[in-house]
Amino acid sequence: MPKFATMSVTKAIRLVLFDTRLSIFKLVLGVQQIVVAEGMLLGQKLGLDPAVLASVINSSTGGCWASSVNNPVPGALAEKSAPCERDYQGGFITALMFKVE
């Protein structure tokens, strides 16, 4: 039986709109991650220090979660533990997801 067959029209519309908002948020985050990775790579190829480049990006209009917390370049965020610093190993949430089935 389809997911929407047993719910009201209003509830189905809210569910579709919620899924759409999540998709948009994920799209925006994905674009930010790509742009940060490409910008950091370009900066490294131009001889810039990743930590200095990340600091400049994060203190300017380019600052976003993808660059200030989830920066893909090891050593770019000296005071934070970005996933790249842990070789992209999962943390508590990943362990919890595997535990709950």
PDB file of N, CA and C in Angstrom:
ATOM      1  N   MET A   1       0.843  -1.174   0.000  1.00  0.00           N
ATOM      2  CA  MET A   1       0.000   0.000   0.000  1.00  0.00           C
ATOM      3  C   MET A   1       0.892   1.243   0.000  1.00  0.00           C
ATOM      4  N   PRO A   2       0.578   2.228  -0.860  1.00  0.00           N
ATOM      5  CA  PRO A   2       1.387   3.438  -0.916  1.00  0.00           C
ATOM      6  C   PRO A   2       1.423   4.177   0.415  1.00  0.00           C
ATOM      7  N   LYS A   3       2.511   4.897   0.625  1.00  0.00           N
ATOM      8  CA  LYS A   3       2.740   5.618   1.875  1.00  0.00           C
ATOM      9  C   LYS A   3       1.619   6.608   2.188  1.00  0.00           C
ATOM     10  N   PHE A   4       1.086   7.259   1.171  1.00  0.00           N
ATOM     11  CA  PHE A   4       0.096   8.303   1.369  1.00  0.00           C
ATOM     12  C   PHE A   4      -1.341   7.785   1.421  1.00  0.00           C
ATOM     13  N   ALA A   5      -1.563   6.500   1.181  1.00  0.00           N
ATOM     14  CA  ALA A   5      -2.922   5.965   1.082  1.00  0.00           C
ATOM     15  C   ALA A   5      -3.693   6.023   2.395  1.00  0.00           C
ATOM     16  N   THR A   6      -3.013   5.962   3.514  1.00  0.00           N
ATOM     17  CA  THR A   6      -3.704   5.891   4.797  1.00  0.00           C
ATOM     18  C   THR A   6      -3.671   7.208   5.578  1.00  0.00           C
ATOM     19  N   MET A   7      -3.264   8.309   4.963  1.00  0.00           N
ATOM     20  CA  MET A   7      -3.201   9.565   5.697  1.00  0.00           C
ATOM     21  C   MET A   7      -4.051  10.622   5.012  1.00  0.00           C
ATOM     22  N   SER A   8      -4.338  11.667   5.761  1.00  0.00           N
ATOM     23  CA  SER A   8      -5.144  12.752   5.209  1.00  0.00           C
ATOM     24  C   SER A   8      -4.345  13.509   4.153  1.00  0.00           C
ATOM     25  N   VAL A   9      -5.063  14.227   3.328  1.00  0.00           N
ATOM     26  CA  VAL A   9      -4.420  15.011   2.269  1.00  0.00           C
ATOM     27  C   VAL A   9      -3.501  16.059   2.885  1.00  0.00           C
ATOM     28  N   THR A  10      -3.950  16.712   3.940  1.00  0.00           N
ATOM     29  CA  THR A  10      -3.137  17.744   4.597  1.00  0.00           C
ATOM     30  C   THR A  10      -1.833  17.162   5.126  1.00  0.00           C
ATOM     31  N   LYS A  11      -1.931  16.026   5.773  1.00  0.00           N
ATOM     32  CA  LYS A  11      -0.726  15.393   6.311  1.00  0.00           C
ATOM     33  C   LYS A  11       0.212  14.966   5.178  1.00  0.00           C
ATOM     34  N   ALA A  12      -0.335  14.452   4.101  1.00  0.00           N
ATOM     35  CA  ALA A  12       0.485  14.042   2.955  1.00  0.00           C
ATOM     36  C   ALA A  12       1.202  15.239   2.345  1.00  0.00           C
ATOM     37  N   ILE A  13       0.505  16.375   2.232  1.00  0.00           N
ATOM     38  CA  ILE A  13       1.127  17.588   1.672  1.00  0.00           C
ATOM     39  C   ILE A  13       2.249  18.070   2.585  1.00  0.00           C
ATOM     40  N   ARG A  14       2.012  18.057   3.901  1.00  0.00           N
ATOM     41  CA  ARG A  14       3.059  18.462   4.843  1.00  0.00           C
ATOM     42  C   ARG A  14       4.276  17.556   4.734  1.00  0.00           C
ATOM     43  N   LEU A  15       4.048  16.265   4.582  1.00  0.00           N
ATOM     44  CA  LEU A  15       5.150  15.315   4.464  1.00  0.00           C
ATOM     45  C   LEU A  15       5.958  15.572   3.197  1.00  0.00           C
ATOM     46  N   VAL A  16       5.276  15.813   2.088  1.00  0.00           N
ATOM     47  CA  VAL A  16       5.975  16.093   0.825  1.00  0.00           C
ATOM     48  C   VAL A  16       6.763  17.386   0.941  1.00  0.00           C
ATOM     49  N   LEU A  17       6.165  18.436   1.543  1.00  0.00           N
ATOM     50  CA  LEU A  17       6.877  19.704   1.700  1.00  0.00           C
ATOM     51  C   LEU A  17       8.085  19.550   2.613  1.00  0.00           C
ATOM     52  N   PHE A  18       7.955  18.777   3.682  1.00  0.00           N
ATOM     53  CA  PHE A  18       9.075  18.537   4.591  1.00  0.00           C
ATOM     54  C   PHE A  18      10.202  17.809   3.855  1.00  0.00           C
ATOM     55  N   ASP A  19       9.857  16.767   3.088  1.00  0.00           N
ATOM     56  CA  ASP A  19      10.870  16.040   2.313  1.00  0.00           C
ATOM     57  C   ASP A  19      11.539  16.966   1.308  1.00  0.00           C
ATOM     58  N   THR A  20      10.764  17.862   0.702  1.00  0.00           N
ATOM     59  CA  THR A  20      11.321  18.800  -0.273  1.00  0.00           C
ATOM     60  C   THR A  20      12.293  19.756   0.398  1.00  0.00           C
ATOM     61  N   ARG A  21      11.932  20.273   1.589  1.00  0.00           N
ATOM     62  CA  ARG A  21      12.843  21.184   2.304  1.00  0.00           C
ATOM     63  C   ARG A  21      14.138  20.470   2.655  1.00  0.00           C
ATOM     64  N   LEU A  22      14.040  19.225   3.121  1.00  0.00           N
ATOM     65  CA  LEU A  22      15.256  18.481   3.445  1.00  0.00           C
ATOM     66  C   LEU A  22      16.117  18.287   2.207  1.00  0.00           C
ATOM     67  N   SER A  23      15.486  18.020   1.081  1.00  0.00           N
ATOM     68  CA  SER A  23      16.243  17.839  -0.163  1.00  0.00           C
ATOM     69  C   SER A  23      16.958  19.124  -0.547  1.00  0.00           C
ATOM     70  N   ILE A  24      16.290  20.255  -0.376  1.00  0.00           N
ATOM     71  CA  ILE A  24      16.906  21.543  -0.702  1.00  0.00           C
ATOM     72  C   ILE A  24      18.081  21.811   0.233  1.00  0.00           C
ATOM     73  N   PHE A  25      17.902  21.562   1.527  1.00  0.00           N
ATOM     74  CA  PHE A  25      18.991  21.767   2.479  1.00  0.00           C
ATOM     75  C   PHE A  25      20.184  20.884   2.136  1.00  0.00           C
ATOM     76  N   LYS A  26      19.921  19.643   1.786  1.00  0.00           N
ATOM     77  CA  LYS A  26      21.005  18.717   1.429  1.00  0.00           C
ATOM     78  C   LYS A  26      21.703  19.168   0.154  1.00  0.00           C
ATOM     79  N   LEU A  27      20.953  19.700  -0.793  1.00  0.00           N
ATOM     80  CA  LEU A  27      21.539  20.211  -2.032  1.00  0.00           C
ATOM     81  C   LEU A  27      22.462  21.388  -1.734  1.00  0.00           C
ATOM     82  N   VAL A  28      21.995  22.324  -0.906  1.00  0.00           N
ATOM     83  CA  VAL A  28      22.811  23.489  -0.557  1.00  0.00           C
ATOM     84  C   VAL A  28      24.089  23.051   0.166  1.00  0.00           C
ATOM     85  N   LEU A  29      23.970  22.142   1.113  1.00  0.00           N
ATOM     86  CA  LEU A  29      25.155  21.652   1.828  1.00  0.00           C
ATOM     87  C   LEU A  29      26.118  20.957   0.868  1.00  0.00           C
ATOM     88  N   GLY A  30      25.585  20.152  -0.043  1.00  0.00           N
ATOM     89  CA  GLY A  30      26.439  19.464  -1.016  1.00  0.00           C
ATOM     90  C   GLY A  30      27.212  20.443  -1.881  1.00  0.00           C
ATOM     91  N   VAL A  31      26.541  21.500  -2.315  1.00  0.00           N
ATOM     92  CA  VAL A  31      27.211  22.517  -3.131  1.00  0.00           C
ATOM     93  C   VAL A  31      28.297  23.212  -2.306  1.00  0.00           C
ATOM     94  N   GLN A  32      27.991  23.526  -1.044  1.00  0.00           N
ATOM     95  CA  GLN A  32      28.996  24.158  -0.180  1.00  0.00           C
ATOM     96  C   GLN A  32      30.208  23.249  -0.004  1.00  0.00           C
ATOM     97  N   GLN A  33      29.979  21.966   0.226  1.00  0.00           N
ATOM     98  CA  GLN A  33      31.096  21.028   0.412  1.00  0.00           C
ATOM     99  C   GLN A  33      31.983  20.985  -0.837  1.00  0.00           C
ATOM    100  N   ILE A  34      31.359  20.957  -2.004  1.00  0.00           N
ATOM    101  CA  ILE A  34      32.125  20.911  -3.258  1.00  0.00           C
ATOM    102  C   ILE A  34      32.939  22.190  -3.434  1.00  0.00           C
ATOM    103  N   VAL A  35      32.309  23.332  -3.203  1.00  0.00           N
ATOM    104  CA  VAL A  35      32.994  24.610  -3.385  1.00  0.00           C
ATOM    105  C   VAL A  35      34.154  24.759  -2.399  1.00  0.00           C
ATOM    106  N   VAL A  36      33.944  24.377  -1.148  1.00  0.00           N
ATOM    107  CA  VAL A  36      35.030  24.452  -0.156  1.00  0.00           C
ATOM    108  C   VAL A  36      36.180  23.540  -0.577  1.00  0.00           C
ATOM    109  N   ALA A  37      35.877  22.320  -0.981  1.00  0.00           N
ATOM    110  CA  ALA A  37      36.933  21.384  -1.385  1.00  0.00           C
ATOM    111  C   ALA A  37      37.711  21.920  -2.587  1.00  0.00           C
ATOM    112  N   GLU A  38      37.001  22.429  -3.577  1.00  0.00           N
ATOM    113  CA  GLU A  38      37.671  22.958  -4.768  1.00  0.00           C
ATOM    114  C   GLU A  38      38.481  24.210  -4.441  1.00  0.00           C
ATOM    115  N   GLY A  39      37.938  25.076  -3.603  1.00  0.00           N
ATOM    116  CA  GLY A  39      38.666  26.282  -3.203  1.00  0.00           C
ATOM    117  C   GLY A  39      39.925  25.959  -2.424  1.00  0.00           C
ATOM    118  N   MET A  40      39.815  25.006  -1.510  1.00  0.00           N
ATOM    119  CA  MET A  40      40.991  24.601  -0.733  1.00  0.00           C
ATOM    120  C   MET A  40      42.042  23.962  -1.635  1.00  0.00           C
ATOM    121  N   LEU A  41      41.609  23.143  -2.576  1.00  0.00           N
ATOM    122  CA  LEU A  41      42.542  22.506  -3.508  1.00  0.00           C
ATOM    123  C   LEU A  41      43.242  23.554  -4.373  1.00  0.00           C
ATOM    124  N   LEU A  42      42.472  24.516  -4.874  1.00  0.00           N
ATOM    125  CA  LEU A  42      43.068  25.586  -5.678  1.00  0.00           C
ATOM    126  C   LEU A  42      44.086  26.378  -4.855  1.00  0.00           C
ATOM    127  N   GLY A  43      43.723  26.704  -3.624  1.00  0.00           N
ATOM    128  CA  GLY A  43      44.651  27.442  -2.756  1.00  0.00           C
ATOM    129  C   GLY A  43      45.936  26.674  -2.508  1.00  0.00           C
ATOM    130  N   GLN A  44      45.821  25.362  -2.276  1.00  0.00           N
ATOM    131  CA  GLN A  44      47.020  24.545  -2.063  1.00  0.00           C
ATOM    132  C   GLN A  44      47.881  24.504  -3.316  1.00  0.00           C
ATOM    133  N   LYS A  45      47.252  24.406  -4.485  1.00  0.00           N
ATOM    134  CA  LYS A  45      48.025  24.374  -5.736  1.00  0.00           C
ATOM    135  C   LYS A  45      48.720  25.708  -6.000  1.00  0.00           C
ATOM    136  N   LEU A  46      48.167  26.785  -5.443  1.00  0.00           N
ATOM    137  CA  LEU A  46      48.796  28.102  -5.577  1.00  0.00           C
ATOM    138  C   LEU A  46      49.825  28.354  -4.487  1.00  0.00           C
ATOM    139  N   GLY A  47      50.025  27.371  -3.610  1.00  0.00           N
ATOM    140  CA  GLY A  47      51.052  27.456  -2.591  1.00  0.00           C
ATOM    141  C   GLY A  47      50.606  28.053  -1.263  1.00  0.00           C
ATOM    142  N   LEU A  48      49.303  28.186  -1.058  1.00  0.00           N
ATOM    143  CA  LEU A  48      48.813  28.748   0.206  1.00  0.00           C
ATOM    144  C   LEU A  48      48.747  27.679   1.292  1.00  0.00           C
ATOM    145  N   ASP A  49      49.012  28.097   2.507  1.00  0.00           N
ATOM    146  CA  ASP A  49      48.914  27.204   3.660  1.00  0.00           C
ATOM    147  C   ASP A  49      47.428  26.929   3.933  1.00  0.00           C
ATOM    148  N   PRO A  50      47.018  25.655   4.042  1.00  0.00           N
ATOM    149  CA  PRO A  50      45.602  25.340   4.260  1.00  0.00           C
ATOM    150  C   PRO A  50      45.010  25.996   5.509  1.00  0.00           C
ATOM    151  N   ALA A  51      45.772  26.082   6.583  1.00  0.00           N
ATOM    152  CA  ALA A  51      45.259  26.693   7.814  1.00  0.00           C
ATOM    153  C   ALA A  51      45.001  28.189   7.622  1.00  0.00           C
ATOM    154  N   VAL A  52      45.906  28.864   6.933  1.00  0.00           N
ATOM    155  CA  VAL A  52      45.733  30.296   6.676  1.00  0.00           C
ATOM    156  C   VAL A  52      44.562  30.514   5.730  1.00  0.00           C
ATOM    157  N   LEU A  53      44.476  29.711   4.684  1.00  0.00           N
ATOM    158  CA  LEU A  53      43.383  29.834   3.723  1.00  0.00           C
ATOM    159  C   LEU A  53      42.034  29.587   4.395  1.00  0.00           C
ATOM    160  N   ALA A  54      41.949  28.555   5.215  1.00  0.00           N
ATOM    161  CA  ALA A  54      40.701  28.257   5.926  1.00  0.00           C
ATOM    162  C   ALA A  54      40.333  29.412   6.859  1.00  0.00           C
ATOM    163  N   SER A  55      41.313  29.988   7.514  1.00  0.00           N
ATOM    164  CA  SER A  55      41.065  31.117   8.413  1.00  0.00           C
ATOM    165  C   SER A  55      40.511  32.317   7.649  1.00  0.00           C
ATOM    166  N   VAL A  56      41.077  32.579   6.485  1.00  0.00           N
ATOM    167  CA  VAL A  56      40.602  33.711   5.667  1.00  0.00           C
ATOM    168  C   VAL A  56      39.184  33.434   5.162  1.00  0.00           C
ATOM    169  N   ILE A  57      38.955  32.237   4.679  1.00  0.00           N
ATOM    170  CA  ILE A  57      37.610  31.882   4.183  1.00  0.00           C
ATOM    171  C   ILE A  57      36.581  31.999   5.305  1.00  0.00           C
ATOM    172  N   ASN A  58      36.918  31.466   6.475  1.00  0.00           N
ATOM    173  CA  ASN A  58      35.959  31.438   7.582  1.00  0.00           C
ATOM    174  C   ASN A  58      35.711  32.804   8.205  1.00  0.00           C
ATOM    175  N   SER A  59      36.612  33.750   7.999  1.00  0.00           N
ATOM    176  CA  SER A  59      36.403  35.095   8.545  1.00  0.00           C
ATOM    177  C   SER A  59      35.862  36.052   7.490  1.00  0.00           C
ATOM    178  N   SER A  60      35.542  35.521   6.317  1.00  0.00           N
ATOM    179  CA  SER A  60      35.005  36.366   5.246  1.00  0.00           C
ATOM    180  C   SER A  60      33.622  35.847   4.841  1.00  0.00           C
ATOM    181  N   THR A  61      33.132  36.322   3.725  1.00  0.00           N
ATOM    182  CA  THR A  61      31.799  35.913   3.270  1.00  0.00           C
ATOM    183  C   THR A  61      31.750  34.462   2.822  1.00  0.00           C
ATOM    184  N   GLY A  62      32.885  33.822   2.660  1.00  0.00           N
ATOM    185  CA  GLY A  62      32.906  32.408   2.284  1.00  0.00           C
ATOM    186  C   GLY A  62      32.710  31.466   3.455  1.00  0.00           C
ATOM    187  N   GLY A  63      32.690  32.020   4.657  1.00  0.00           N
ATOM    188  CA  GLY A  63      32.543  31.193   5.854  1.00  0.00           C
ATOM    189  C   GLY A  63      31.201  30.477   5.892  1.00  0.00           C
ATOM    190  N   CYS A  64      31.236  29.188   6.141  1.00  0.00           N
ATOM    191  CA  CYS A  64      30.027  28.379   6.258  1.00  0.00           C
ATOM    192  C   CYS A  64      30.389  27.128   7.059  1.00  0.00           C
ATOM    193  N   TRP A  65      29.380  26.347   7.413  1.00  0.00           N
ATOM    194  CA  TRP A  65      29.611  25.129   8.199  1.00  0.00           C
ATOM    195  C   TRP A  65      30.583  24.191   7.480  1.00  0.00           C
ATOM    196  N   ALA A  66      30.451  24.095   6.173  1.00  0.00           N
ATOM    197  CA  ALA A  66      31.305  23.188   5.407  1.00  0.00           C
ATOM    198  C   ALA A  66      32.779  23.563   5.501  1.00  0.00           C
ATOM    199  N   SER A  67      33.078  24.835   5.672  1.00  0.00           N
ATOM    200  CA  SER A  67      34.486  25.239   5.769  1.00  0.00           C
ATOM    201  C   SER A  67      34.962  25.401   7.210  1.00  0.00           C
ATOM    202  N   SER A  68      34.067  25.749   8.115  1.00  0.00           N
ATOM    203  CA  SER A  68      34.500  26.017   9.485  1.00  0.00           C
ATOM    204  C   SER A  68      34.433  24.802  10.409  1.00  0.00           C
ATOM    205  N   VAL A  69      33.675  23.783  10.044  1.00  0.00           N
ATOM    206  CA  VAL A  69      33.538  22.588  10.876  1.00  0.00           C
ATOM    207  C   VAL A  69      33.920  21.326  10.117  1.00  0.00           C
ATOM    208  N   ASN A  70      33.528  21.244   8.869  1.00  0.00           N
ATOM    209  CA  ASN A  70      33.692  20.016   8.089  1.00  0.00           C
ATOM    210  C   ASN A  70      34.698  20.188   6.951  1.00  0.00           C
ATOM    211  N   ASN A  71      35.708  20.999   7.161  1.00  0.00           N
ATOM    212  CA  ASN A  71      36.698  21.263   6.121  1.00  0.00           C
ATOM    213  C   ASN A  71      37.388  19.956   5.718  1.00  0.00           C
ATOM    214  N   PRO A  72      37.482  19.678   4.403  1.00  0.00           N
ATOM    215  CA  PRO A  72      38.014  18.392   3.956  1.00  0.00           C
ATOM    216  C   PRO A  72      39.537  18.287   3.916  1.00  0.00           C
ATOM    217  N   VAL A  73      40.235  19.343   4.319  1.00  0.00           N
ATOM    218  CA  VAL A  73      41.698  19.334   4.237  1.00  0.00           C
ATOM    219  C   VAL A  73      42.303  19.135   5.626  1.00  0.00           C
ATOM    220  N   PRO A  74      43.073  18.060   5.807  1.00  0.00           N
ATOM    221  CA  PRO A  74      43.729  17.849   7.103  1.00  0.00           C
ATOM    222  C   PRO A  74      44.645  19.025   7.453  1.00  0.00           C
ATOM    223  N   GLY A  75      44.564  19.465   8.699  1.00  0.00           N
ATOM    224  CA  GLY A  75      45.404  20.558   9.160  1.00  0.00           C
ATOM    225  C   GLY A  75      44.820  21.939   8.929  1.00  0.00           C
ATOM    226  N   ALA A  76      43.696  22.020   8.236  1.00  0.00           N
ATOM    227  CA  ALA A  76      43.113  23.331   7.943  1.00  0.00           C
ATOM    228  C   ALA A  76      42.443  23.937   9.169  1.00  0.00           C
ATOM    229  N   LEU A  77      41.902  23.097  10.040  1.00  0.00           N
ATOM    230  CA  LEU A  77      41.225  23.575  11.251  1.00  0.00           C
ATOM    231  C   LEU A  77      42.000  23.073  12.465  1.00  0.00           C
ATOM    232  N   ALA A  78      42.938  23.862  12.912  1.00  0.00           N
ATOM    233  CA  ALA A  78      43.842  23.426  13.979  1.00  0.00           C
ATOM    234  C   ALA A  78      43.126  23.142  15.294  1.00  0.00           C
ATOM    235  N   GLU A  79      42.107  23.912  15.624  1.00  0.00           N
ATOM    236  CA  GLU A  79      41.459  23.776  16.929  1.00  0.00           C
ATOM    237  C   GLU A  79      40.250  22.847  16.907  1.00  0.00           C
ATOM    238  N   LYS A  80      39.926  22.291  15.769  1.00  0.00           N
ATOM    239  CA  LYS A  80      38.730  21.452  15.666  1.00  0.00           C
ATOM    240  C   LYS A  80      39.100  20.076  15.139  1.00  0.00           C
ATOM    241  N   SER A  81      38.227  19.131  15.376  1.00  0.00           N
ATOM    242  CA  SER A  81      38.449  17.759  14.924  1.00  0.00           C
ATOM    243  C   SER A  81      37.521  17.449  13.756  1.00  0.00           C
ATOM    244  N   ALA A  82      37.912  17.920  12.598  1.00  0.00           N
ATOM    245  CA  ALA A  82      37.120  17.665  11.393  1.00  0.00           C
ATOM    246  C   ALA A  82      37.196  16.185  11.020  1.00  0.00           C
ATOM    247  N   PRO A  83      36.219  15.665  10.310  1.00  0.00           N
ATOM    248  CA  PRO A  83      36.241  14.244   9.939  1.00  0.00           C
ATOM    249  C   PRO A  83      37.519  13.816   9.206  1.00  0.00           C
ATOM    250  N   CYS A  84      38.116  14.708   8.420  1.00  0.00           N
ATOM    251  CA  CYS A  84      39.341  14.345   7.698  1.00  0.00           C
ATOM    252  C   CYS A  84      40.503  14.092   8.661  1.00  0.00           C
ATOM    253  N   GLU A  85      40.465  14.703   9.840  1.00  0.00           N
ATOM    254  CA  GLU A  85      41.510  14.485  10.843  1.00  0.00           C
ATOM    255  C   GLU A  85      41.418  13.094  11.462  1.00  0.00           C
ATOM    256  N   ARG A  86      40.240  12.493  11.375  1.00  0.00           N
ATOM    257  CA  ARG A  86      40.015  11.144  11.926  1.00  0.00           C
ATOM    258  C   ARG A  86      39.924  10.111  10.806  1.00  0.00           C
ATOM    259  N   ASP A  87      40.472  10.439   9.647  1.00  0.00           N
ATOM    260  CA  ASP A  87      40.415   9.563   8.479  1.00  0.00           C
ATOM    261  C   ASP A  87      38.968   9.192   8.142  1.00  0.00           C
ATOM    262  N   TYR A  88      38.067  10.128   8.355  1.00  0.00           N
ATOM    263  CA  TYR A  88      36.636  10.004   8.068  1.00  0.00           C
ATOM    264  C   TYR A  88      35.964   8.855   8.824  1.00  0.00           C
ATOM    265  N   GLN A  89      36.502   8.506   9.982  1.00  0.00           N
ATOM    266  CA  GLN A  89      35.859   7.500  10.831  1.00  0.00           C
ATOM    267  C   GLN A  89      34.646   8.125  11.496  1.00  0.00           C
ATOM    268  N   GLY A  90      33.592   7.353  11.622  1.00  0.00           N
ATOM    269  CA  GLY A  90      32.375   7.846  12.258  1.00  0.00           C
ATOM    270  C   GLY A  90      32.560   7.996  13.753  1.00  0.00           C
ATOM    271  N   GLY A  91      31.667   8.725  14.365  1.00  0.00           N
ATOM    272  CA  GLY A  91      31.701   8.930  15.806  1.00  0.00           C
ATOM    273  C   GLY A  91      30.530   8.254  16.486  1.00  0.00           C
ATOM    274  N   PHE A  92      30.033   8.888  17.537  1.00  0.00           N
ATOM    275  CA  PHE A  92      28.951   8.322  18.341  1.00  0.00           C
ATOM    276  C   PHE A  92      27.688   8.083  17.512  1.00  0.00           C
ATOM    277  N   ILE A  93      27.310   9.051  16.702  1.00  0.00           N
ATOM    278  CA  ILE A  93      26.083   8.928  15.920  1.00  0.00           C
ATOM    279  C   ILE A  93      26.161   7.744  14.956  1.00  0.00           C
ATOM    280  N   THR A  94      27.314   7.544  14.340  1.00  0.00           N
ATOM    281  CA  THR A  94      27.471   6.408  13.436  1.00  0.00           C
ATOM    282  C   THR A  94      27.328   5.104  14.188  1.00  0.00           C
ATOM    283  N   ALA A  95      27.955   5.022  15.359  1.00  0.00           N
ATOM    284  CA  ALA A  95      27.855   3.815  16.168  1.00  0.00           C
ATOM    285  C   ALA A  95      26.409   3.566  16.601  1.00  0.00           C
ATOM    286  N   LEU A  96      25.699   4.645  16.920  1.00  0.00           N
ATOM    287  CA  LEU A  96      24.314   4.521  17.327  1.00  0.00           C
ATOM    288  C   LEU A  96      23.454   4.033  16.162  1.00  0.00           C
ATOM    289  N   MET A  97      23.717   4.519  14.960  1.00  0.00           N
ATOM    290  CA  MET A  97      22.947   4.091  13.794  1.00  0.00           C
ATOM    291  C   MET A  97      23.142   2.598  13.541  1.00  0.00           C
ATOM    292  N   PHE A  98      24.364   2.112  13.707  1.00  0.00           N
ATOM    293  CA  PHE A  98      24.608   0.693  13.514  1.00  0.00           C
ATOM    294  C   PHE A  98      23.965  -0.149  14.596  1.00  0.00           C
ATOM    295  N   LYS A  99      23.856   0.405  15.798  1.00  0.00           N
ATOM    296  CA  LYS A  99      23.274  -0.320  16.913  1.00  0.00           C
ATOM    297  C   LYS A  99      21.759  -0.431  16.782  1.00  0.00           C
ATOM    298  N   VAL A 100      21.111   0.629  16.317  1.00  0.00           N
ATOM    299  CA  VAL A 100      19.657   0.652  16.177  1.00  0.00           C
ATOM    300  C   VAL A 100      19.297   0.123  14.798  1.00  0.00           C
ATOM    301  N   GLU A 101      18.529  -0.900  14.763  1.00  0.00           N
ATOM    302  CA  GLU A 101      18.135  -1.477  13.464  1.00  0.00           C
ATOM    303  C   GLU A 101      16.660  -1.477  13.282  1.00  0.00           C
TER     304      GLU A 101
END
